[in-house]
Protein backbone atom coordinates (compact mmCIF):
# COMPACT_ATOMS: atom_id res chain seq x y z
CA MET A 1 0.02 -0.01 0.04
CA LEU A 2 1.50 3.34 -1.08
CA ASN A 3 1.02 6.55 0.74
CA LYS A 4 0.75 10.00 -0.94
CA VAL A 5 4.40 10.39 -1.63
CA GLY A 6 4.82 6.98 -3.29
CA PHE A 7 6.64 5.17 -0.51
CA SER A 8 5.14 2.11 1.07
CA VAL A 9 5.32 1.54 4.82
CA LYS A 10 7.72 -1.32 4.13
CA GLU A 11 9.94 0.97 2.21
CA HIS A 12 9.90 3.56 5.03
CA LEU A 13 10.81 0.90 7.50
CA GLN A 14 13.57 -0.39 5.35
CA ASN A 15 15.01 3.06 4.84
CA PHE A 16 14.78 3.71 8.57
CA VAL A 17 16.65 0.47 9.40
CA ILE A 18 19.37 1.07 6.79
CA VAL A 19 19.91 4.72 7.98
CA SER A 20 19.87 3.65 11.60
CA VAL A 21 22.34 0.77 11.19
CA PHE A 22 24.76 3.09 9.31
CA TYR A 23 24.46 5.90 11.69
CA VAL A 24 24.91 3.71 14.80
CA THR A 25 27.89 1.97 13.13
CA ALA A 26 29.53 5.27 12.17
CA TYR A 27 28.88 6.66 15.60
CA SER A 28 30.11 3.63 17.40
CA LEU A 29 33.29 3.57 15.35
CA THR A 30 33.75 7.27 16.25
CA LEU A 31 32.97 6.76 19.90
CA GLY A 32 34.88 3.51 20.37
CA PHE A 33 37.90 4.03 18.15
CA VAL A 34 38.37 7.61 16.89
CA VAL A 35 37.74 9.50 20.14
CA PRO A 36 40.00 7.26 22.33
CA LEU A 37 42.77 7.50 19.74
CA GLN A 38 42.22 11.18 19.44
CA GLN A 39 42.52 11.68 23.23
CA LEU A 40 45.82 9.82 23.19
CA VAL A 41 47.24 11.88 20.44
CA PHE A 42 45.62 15.28 21.12
CA THR A 43 45.17 15.47 24.79
CA ASN A 44 43.93 19.11 24.78
CA VAL A 45 40.94 18.49 22.51
CA ILE A 46 37.56 18.71 24.24
CA TYR A 47 35.48 15.53 24.43
CA GLU A 48 32.60 16.87 22.52
CA LEU A 49 34.81 17.30 19.42
CA SER A 50 35.93 14.57 17.12
CA LEU A 51 38.40 15.27 14.44
CA LEU A 52 36.95 12.47 12.32
CA PHE A 53 33.22 12.42 12.84
CA LEU A 54 31.79 9.68 10.68
CA PRO A 55 28.05 10.21 11.46
CA HIS A 56 28.18 13.55 9.55
CA GLY A 57 28.68 11.62 6.30
CA VAL A 58 25.58 9.38 7.13
CA ARG A 59 23.53 12.43 7.87
CA VAL A 60 24.42 14.11 4.66
CA LEU A 61 23.82 10.99 2.51
CA ALA A 62 20.55 10.21 4.32
CA ILE A 63 19.23 13.69 3.81
CA TYR A 64 20.37 13.81 0.26
CA PHE A 65 18.70 10.47 -0.74
CA PHE A 66 15.55 10.86 1.43
CA GLY A 67 15.10 14.66 1.83
CA TRP A 68 13.11 15.66 4.87
CA ARG A 69 12.23 12.00 5.59
CA GLY A 70 15.94 11.45 6.16
CA MET A 71 15.68 13.63 9.19
CA LEU A 72 12.88 11.44 10.59
CA TYR A 73 14.87 8.32 9.88
CA LEU A 74 17.98 9.82 11.73
CA ILE A 75 16.34 11.19 14.93
CA PRO A 76 15.83 7.85 16.91
CA SER A 77 19.37 6.62 16.29
CA ALA A 78 20.84 10.11 16.93
CA TYR A 79 19.22 10.20 20.33
CA LEU A 80 20.18 6.54 21.04
CA MET A 81 23.78 7.50 20.38
CA LYS A 82 23.50 10.63 22.44
CA ILE A 83 22.44 8.59 25.45
CA LEU A 84 25.31 6.10 24.79
CA SER A 85 27.71 9.05 24.50
CA TYR A 86 26.54 10.37 27.88
CA GLN A 87 27.14 6.87 29.36
CA ALA A 88 30.57 7.00 27.91
CA GLY A 89 31.30 10.23 29.69
CA ILE A 90 30.80 12.66 26.87
CA PRO A 91 28.20 15.14 28.04
CA LEU A 92 26.04 16.46 25.17
CA ASP A 93 23.19 18.95 25.20
CA PRO A 94 19.76 17.30 24.75
CA TRP A 95 19.28 19.49 21.70
CA SER A 96 22.41 18.34 19.98
CA PRO A 97 21.04 15.55 17.84
CA LEU A 98 18.19 17.61 16.64
CA PHE A 99 20.49 20.55 15.73
CA ASN A 100 22.89 18.28 14.04
CA ILE A 101 20.31 16.79 11.75
CA LEU A 102 18.63 20.18 11.18
CA ALA A 103 21.89 21.71 10.18
CA CYS A 104 22.52 19.14 7.56
CA TYR A 105 19.02 19.64 6.17
CA VAL A 106 19.47 23.40 5.98
CA GLY A 107 22.84 22.85 4.21
CA PHE A 108 21.16 20.57 1.75
CA GLU A 109 18.34 22.95 1.06
CA LEU A 110 20.63 25.86 0.55
CA VAL A 111 22.64 23.94 -2.05
CA ARG A 112 19.59 22.59 -3.69
CA LEU A 113 18.12 26.19 -3.99
CA ALA A 114 21.38 27.66 -5.20
CA LEU A 115 21.85 24.90 -7.84
CA PRO A 116 18.28 23.85 -8.87
CA LYS A 117 19.42 22.28 -12.15
CA ARG A 118 21.88 20.03 -10.45
CA PHE A 119 19.11 18.61 -8.16
CA SER A 120 16.36 18.34 -10.68
CA GLY A 121 16.30 14.53 -10.55
CA ALA A 122 17.28 14.28 -14.11
CA GLN A 123 20.91 13.86 -13.38
CA PHE A 124 22.73 12.66 -10.39
CA PRO A 125 24.92 15.34 -8.92
CA LYS A 126 28.66 15.00 -8.90
CA TRP A 127 30.61 14.42 -5.75
CA ARG A 128 31.48 18.11 -5.31
CA TYR A 129 27.68 18.84 -4.74
CA PHE A 130 27.70 16.28 -1.96
CA GLY A 131 30.73 18.08 -0.54
CA LEU A 132 28.95 21.44 -0.72
CA VAL A 133 25.95 19.96 1.15
CA ALA A 134 28.37 18.51 3.72
CA LEU A 135 30.26 21.76 4.10
CA PHE A 136 27.24 23.98 4.60
CA GLY A 137 25.69 21.52 6.93
CA SER A 138 28.89 21.36 8.88
CA ILE A 139 29.19 25.11 9.07
CA PHE A 140 25.72 25.37 10.49
CA ASN A 141 26.31 22.40 12.71
CA SER A 142 29.59 23.86 14.12
CA ALA A 143 27.91 27.11 14.97
CA ALA A 144 25.02 25.32 16.77
CA MET A 145 27.28 22.90 18.55
CA THR A 146 29.71 25.58 19.70
CA LEU A 147 26.85 27.70 21.05
CA LEU A 148 25.25 24.68 22.82
CA HIS A 149 28.38 23.27 24.40
CA GLN A 150 30.41 26.53 24.99
CA ASN A 151 27.62 29.12 25.33
CA LYS A 152 29.54 31.25 22.94
CA LEU A 153 30.77 31.13 19.34
CA ASP A 154 34.37 30.08 19.65
CA LEU A 155 35.76 30.07 16.07
CA PHE A 156 38.63 27.64 16.96
CA ILE A 157 36.23 25.03 18.39
CA ALA A 158 33.80 25.73 15.43
CA LEU A 159 36.71 25.03 12.99
CA GLY A 160 37.31 21.75 14.81
CA TYR A 161 33.77 20.72 14.30
CA VAL A 162 33.98 21.54 10.54
CA ILE A 163 37.23 19.61 10.16
CA GLY A 164 35.77 16.56 11.99
CA ASP A 165 32.54 16.70 10.03
CA MET A 166 34.22 17.08 6.68
CA ALA A 167 36.78 14.43 7.38
CA GLY A 168 33.95 12.12 8.46
CA PHE A 169 31.93 12.97 5.38
CA PHE A 170 34.75 12.19 3.04
CA VAL A 171 35.52 8.81 4.70
CA CYS A 172 31.85 7.84 4.44
CA PHE A 173 31.61 9.03 0.95
CA PHE A 174 34.67 7.14 -0.16
CA ILE A 175 33.42 3.93 1.57
CA LEU A 176 30.12 4.32 -0.33
CA ILE A 177 31.86 4.85 -3.69
CA TYR A 178 34.13 1.84 -3.24
CA GLY A 179 31.25 -0.15 -1.90
CA PHE A 180 29.25 0.45 -5.05
CA ARG A 181 32.34 -0.33 -7.20
CA PHE A 182 32.77 -3.61 -5.29
CA ALA A 183 29.07 -4.45 -5.72
CA ARG A 184 29.40 -3.82 -9.46
CA LEU A 185 32.52 -6.08 -9.57
CA LEU A 186 30.64 -8.88 -7.71
CA ALA A 187 27.71 -8.48 -10.09
CA LYS A 188 30.11 -8.87 -13.15
CA VAL A 189 31.68 -11.97 -11.47
CA ASP A 190 28.19 -13.46 -10.89
CA ASP A 191 27.20 -12.78 -14.47
CA ALA A 192 30.31 -14.54 -15.78
């Protein structure tokens, strides 16, 4: 049964599960591997800041592929990971997950409005458009997170958020690219 926008309940559930699994995986890798390594190498970096924040890539890709629905798919897993971050000793503002997701959506909408021909659906945008969405989303995210966690706009900390978000985006994006290439290679092998 299709709803007004052409998605069945099953498709929404599948999209939600896919986005949630990737978000939780990316966040778990960041929380369990990147942050401890970062604290060993850069002892003066605040806990709320990751210099390789993989979930930003998942947020950007989810919002690009699913639009405003991507925000709805992301919210439960974002709050789950916020709770787990708090349990790991990383205090985050309760509004953080919502502002993270909203910042990516605003970045996406700005790029889409600035480049309407590139997002018409007739052609798939090139990687640089994904990068623009990630950059604008990261700028809005860094401003929001700096204000939430520091109660002021600290440009040095905001730059750290941008660096972490963009590095995380590029890692996720390259994993996606090579994942698709690997899938095509497997399809060719199966056809042979």
